Amino acid sequence: MSKRLELIFKNAEDYNVTISIDDPVEPVDGEAVSNVMDTIIQNDVFTSAYGALVSKHAARVVSRTVEEIDINL
């Protein structure tokens, strides 16, 4: 199972912008994630097609399980 940490921001046009980090260290520390998101916003680390990141919207860990299917190749 693979996991991904998604940091979701709002940009200047109020669109969601997602930054994904594969295989985050667990357990994920919510306070640390919030602080990093604040730093990204304050220092204009990333921008989007519709402007700068202006606020935090959400953060989540997404888990994905892949099951291979035999198709007789």
Protein backbone atom coordinates (compact mmCIF):
# COMPACT_ATOMS: atom_id res chain seq x y z
CA MET A 1 0.00 0.00 0.00
CA SER A 2 1.36 3.39 -0.93
CA LYS A 3 0.61 6.58 0.99
CA ARG A 4 0.73 10.22 0.00
CA LEU A 5 0.48 13.37 2.10
CA GLU A 6 -1.59 16.02 0.32
CA LEU A 7 -1.28 19.67 1.34
CA ILE A 8 -4.24 21.59 -0.05
CA PHE A 9 -4.13 25.38 -0.35
CA LYS A 10 -6.36 28.10 -1.76
CA ASN A 11 -4.79 30.41 -4.31
CA ALA A 12 -5.49 34.07 -5.12
CA GLU A 13 -8.46 33.08 -7.32
CA ASP A 14 -9.90 30.76 -4.61
CA TYR A 15 -9.00 27.56 -6.48
CA ASN A 16 -7.63 24.53 -4.64
CA VAL A 17 -3.95 23.75 -5.21
CA THR A 18 -2.60 20.40 -4.01
CA ILE A 19 1.02 19.62 -3.24
CA SER A 20 1.64 15.88 -2.82
CA ILE A 21 4.44 14.19 -0.88
CA ASP A 22 4.94 10.45 -1.40
CA ASP A 23 5.60 8.12 1.54
CA PRO A 24 5.32 10.60 4.43
CA VAL A 25 6.92 9.81 7.79
CA GLU A 26 4.29 8.34 10.08
CA PRO A 27 2.61 9.16 12.27
CA VAL A 28 2.02 12.48 10.52
CA ASP A 29 2.36 15.39 12.96
CA GLY A 30 -0.55 17.78 12.29
CA GLU A 31 1.15 20.71 14.00
CA ALA A 32 4.31 20.26 11.91
CA VAL A 33 2.24 20.00 8.71
CA SER A 34 0.37 23.19 9.62
CA ASN A 35 3.65 25.03 10.31
CA VAL A 36 5.14 23.90 6.99
CA MET A 37 2.03 25.05 5.15
CA ASP A 38 2.30 28.46 6.86
CA THR A 39 5.95 28.69 5.81
CA ILE A 40 5.09 27.81 2.19
CA ILE A 41 2.47 30.58 2.12
CA GLN A 42 4.59 33.22 3.90
CA ASN A 43 7.64 32.66 1.68
CA ASP A 44 5.81 32.26 -1.65
CA VAL A 45 7.59 28.94 -2.14
CA PHE A 46 5.10 27.80 -4.82
CA THR A 47 2.75 29.59 -7.16
CA SER A 48 -0.05 28.33 -9.40
CA ALA A 49 -1.54 29.20 -12.75
CA TYR A 50 -4.08 31.37 -10.92
CA GLY A 51 -1.79 33.17 -8.52
CA ALA A 52 0.00 32.78 -5.23
CA LEU A 53 -1.03 30.38 -2.50
CA VAL A 54 -2.88 32.51 0.05
CA SER A 55 -4.39 30.16 2.65
CA LYS A 56 -4.49 26.63 3.99
CA HIS A 57 -7.51 24.57 3.03
CA ALA A 58 -6.79 21.01 4.22
CA ALA A 59 -4.18 18.30 4.68
CA ARG A 60 -4.72 14.57 4.38
CA VAL A 61 -2.98 11.24 4.00
CA VAL A 62 -4.27 9.23 1.05
CA SER A 63 -3.71 5.45 1.02
CA ARG A 64 -3.74 3.45 -2.17
CA THR A 65 -3.78 -0.32 -2.53
CA VAL A 66 -3.09 -1.89 -5.92
CA GLU A 67 -4.11 -5.47 -6.65
CA GLU A 68 -2.73 -6.98 -9.84
CA ILE A 69 -5.12 -9.05 -11.96
CA ASP A 70 -3.88 -12.00 -14.03
CA ILE A 71 -4.94 -11.44 -17.65
CA ASN A 72 -3.06 -14.45 -19.08
CA LEU A 73 -0.40 -12.62 -21.08
